[in-house]
Amino acid sequence: QVQLVESGGGLVQAGGSLRLSCAASGSIFRINVMGWYRQAPGKQRELVAVITSGGSTNYADSVKGRFTISRDNAKNTVYLQMNSLKPEDTAVYYCNLRMLASYDYWGQGTQVTVSS
């Protein structure tokens, strides 16, 4: 079994920063993709950023230049540094781990609230 434990959400003023962390444990393949998705009230879950075990990254256009995803493969941990936060970034942020085509795991979610 694989477990993902997120931390780092909270309340911040617009223009501020937060750093999210997600630690994965269990049977994890060396080659994988970890990432962050978010879901705002009344909206569908959307991709924020993903990073492969080789370090390749992909970002949603709405966060490019403001958010940075990184990972520590030795710790099976992925991070999301969020700068210049905007009220529209308010959402529940979910960590995701994907291995091969069939193994897809989600964290419990962490709330990020950005006040104007």
Protein backbone atom coordinates (compact mmCIF):
# COMPACT_ATOMS: atom_id res chain seq x y z
CA GLN A 1 0.00 0.00 0.00
CA VAL A 2 1.06 3.57 -0.66
CA GLN A 3 0.27 6.51 1.60
CA LEU A 4 0.68 10.20 0.85
CA VAL A 5 0.83 12.67 3.72
CA GLU A 6 0.56 16.37 2.91
CA SER A 7 1.46 19.35 5.04
CA GLY A 8 1.96 23.08 4.75
CA GLY A 9 -1.42 24.51 3.83
CA GLY A 10 -2.95 27.46 5.61
CA LEU A 11 -4.20 31.02 5.39
CA VAL A 12 -2.08 33.70 3.77
CA GLN A 13 -2.63 37.20 2.42
CA ALA A 14 -2.46 37.92 -1.27
CA GLY A 15 1.14 38.29 -2.38
CA GLY A 16 2.36 35.93 0.31
CA SER A 17 4.01 32.52 0.09
CA LEU A 18 3.38 28.99 1.26
CA ARG A 19 5.27 25.74 0.86
CA LEU A 20 3.47 22.43 0.59
CA SER A 21 5.10 19.08 1.26
CA CYS A 22 3.96 15.55 0.47
CA ALA A 23 5.74 12.47 1.74
CA ALA A 24 5.02 9.12 0.12
CA SER A 25 5.53 5.80 1.88
CA GLY A 26 5.02 2.17 0.96
CA SER A 27 5.87 0.25 -2.20
CA ILE A 28 7.05 2.98 -4.54
CA PHE A 29 8.59 2.32 -7.92
CA ARG A 30 11.78 4.20 -8.67
CA ILE A 31 10.28 5.65 -11.84
CA ASN A 32 7.19 7.69 -11.08
CA VAL A 33 5.48 11.03 -11.40
CA MET A 34 4.50 13.12 -8.40
CA GLY A 35 2.45 16.24 -8.53
CA TRP A 36 -0.06 18.65 -7.12
CA TYR A 37 -3.64 19.22 -8.15
CA ARG A 38 -6.21 21.57 -6.69
CA GLN A 39 -9.95 21.84 -6.42
CA ALA A 40 -11.80 25.04 -5.65
CA PRO A 41 -15.43 25.01 -4.49
CA GLY A 42 -17.77 24.28 -7.37
CA LYS A 43 -14.93 23.54 -9.76
CA GLN A 44 -13.27 20.43 -11.10
CA ARG A 45 -9.92 19.25 -9.85
CA GLU A 46 -7.13 20.69 -11.99
CA LEU A 47 -3.45 20.10 -12.45
CA VAL A 48 -1.12 22.56 -10.75
CA ALA A 49 2.31 21.03 -11.38
CA VAL A 50 3.93 17.63 -11.84
CA ILE A 51 7.50 16.38 -11.71
CA THR A 52 8.95 13.08 -12.90
CA SER A 53 11.50 11.06 -10.96
CA GLY A 54 14.01 12.32 -13.55
CA GLY A 55 13.21 15.94 -12.72
CA SER A 56 11.10 17.00 -15.70
CA THR A 57 8.34 19.42 -14.75
CA ASN A 58 5.06 20.67 -16.12
CA TYR A 59 2.99 23.57 -14.81
CA ALA A 60 -0.47 24.95 -15.33
CA ASP A 61 -0.30 28.26 -17.18
CA SER A 62 -1.99 30.00 -14.25
CA VAL A 63 0.90 29.25 -11.89
CA LYS A 64 3.93 29.51 -14.17
CA GLY A 65 6.49 31.91 -12.80
CA ARG A 66 4.91 31.87 -9.33
CA PHE A 67 4.99 28.22 -8.22
CA THR A 68 7.94 25.83 -8.19
CA ILE A 69 7.69 22.07 -7.84
CA SER A 70 10.64 20.02 -6.62
CA ARG A 71 11.29 16.61 -5.14
CA ASP A 72 13.68 14.62 -3.02
CA ASN A 73 13.79 11.11 -4.45
CA ALA A 74 15.66 9.72 -1.46
CA LYS A 75 12.79 10.81 0.78
CA ASN A 76 9.98 10.18 -1.74
CA THR A 77 8.84 13.70 -1.03
CA VAL A 78 7.52 16.38 -3.35
CA TYR A 79 7.31 20.08 -2.58
CA LEU A 80 5.37 22.99 -3.98
CA GLN A 81 6.73 26.45 -3.31
CA MET A 82 3.96 28.95 -3.93
CA ASN A 83 4.88 32.62 -4.23
CA SER A 84 2.88 35.71 -5.15
CA LEU A 85 -0.30 33.94 -4.12
CA LYS A 86 -3.61 35.25 -5.40
CA PRO A 87 -7.15 34.82 -4.04
CA GLU A 88 -7.91 32.62 -7.06
CA ASP A 89 -5.29 30.15 -5.80
CA THR A 90 -7.64 29.33 -2.93
CA ALA A 91 -8.45 25.61 -3.09
CA VAL A 92 -7.83 22.24 -1.55
CA TYR A 93 -4.48 21.04 -2.83
CA TYR A 94 -4.00 17.32 -3.39
CA CYS A 95 -0.77 15.42 -3.75
CA ASN A 96 -0.65 12.71 -6.43
CA LEU A 97 1.69 9.81 -7.12
CA ARG A 98 1.46 7.93 -10.39
CA MET A 99 3.38 4.76 -11.25
CA LEU A 100 3.18 2.99 -14.59
CA ALA A 101 -0.31 3.31 -16.09
CA SER A 102 -2.31 1.67 -13.37
CA TYR A 103 -1.16 2.93 -10.02
CA ASP A 104 -2.61 6.28 -9.03
CA TYR A 105 -2.60 7.52 -5.43
CA TRP A 106 -3.94 10.67 -3.78
CA GLY A 107 -3.31 12.45 -0.52
CA GLN A 108 -6.08 13.63 1.77
CA GLY A 109 -5.78 17.24 0.64
CA THR A 110 -4.64 20.40 2.37
CA GLN A 111 -6.53 23.70 2.36
CA VAL A 112 -4.87 26.80 0.98
CA THR A 113 -6.75 30.05 1.51
CA VAL A 114 -5.53 33.34 0.10
CA SER A 115 -7.22 36.46 1.42
CA SER A 116 -7.43 39.67 -0.58
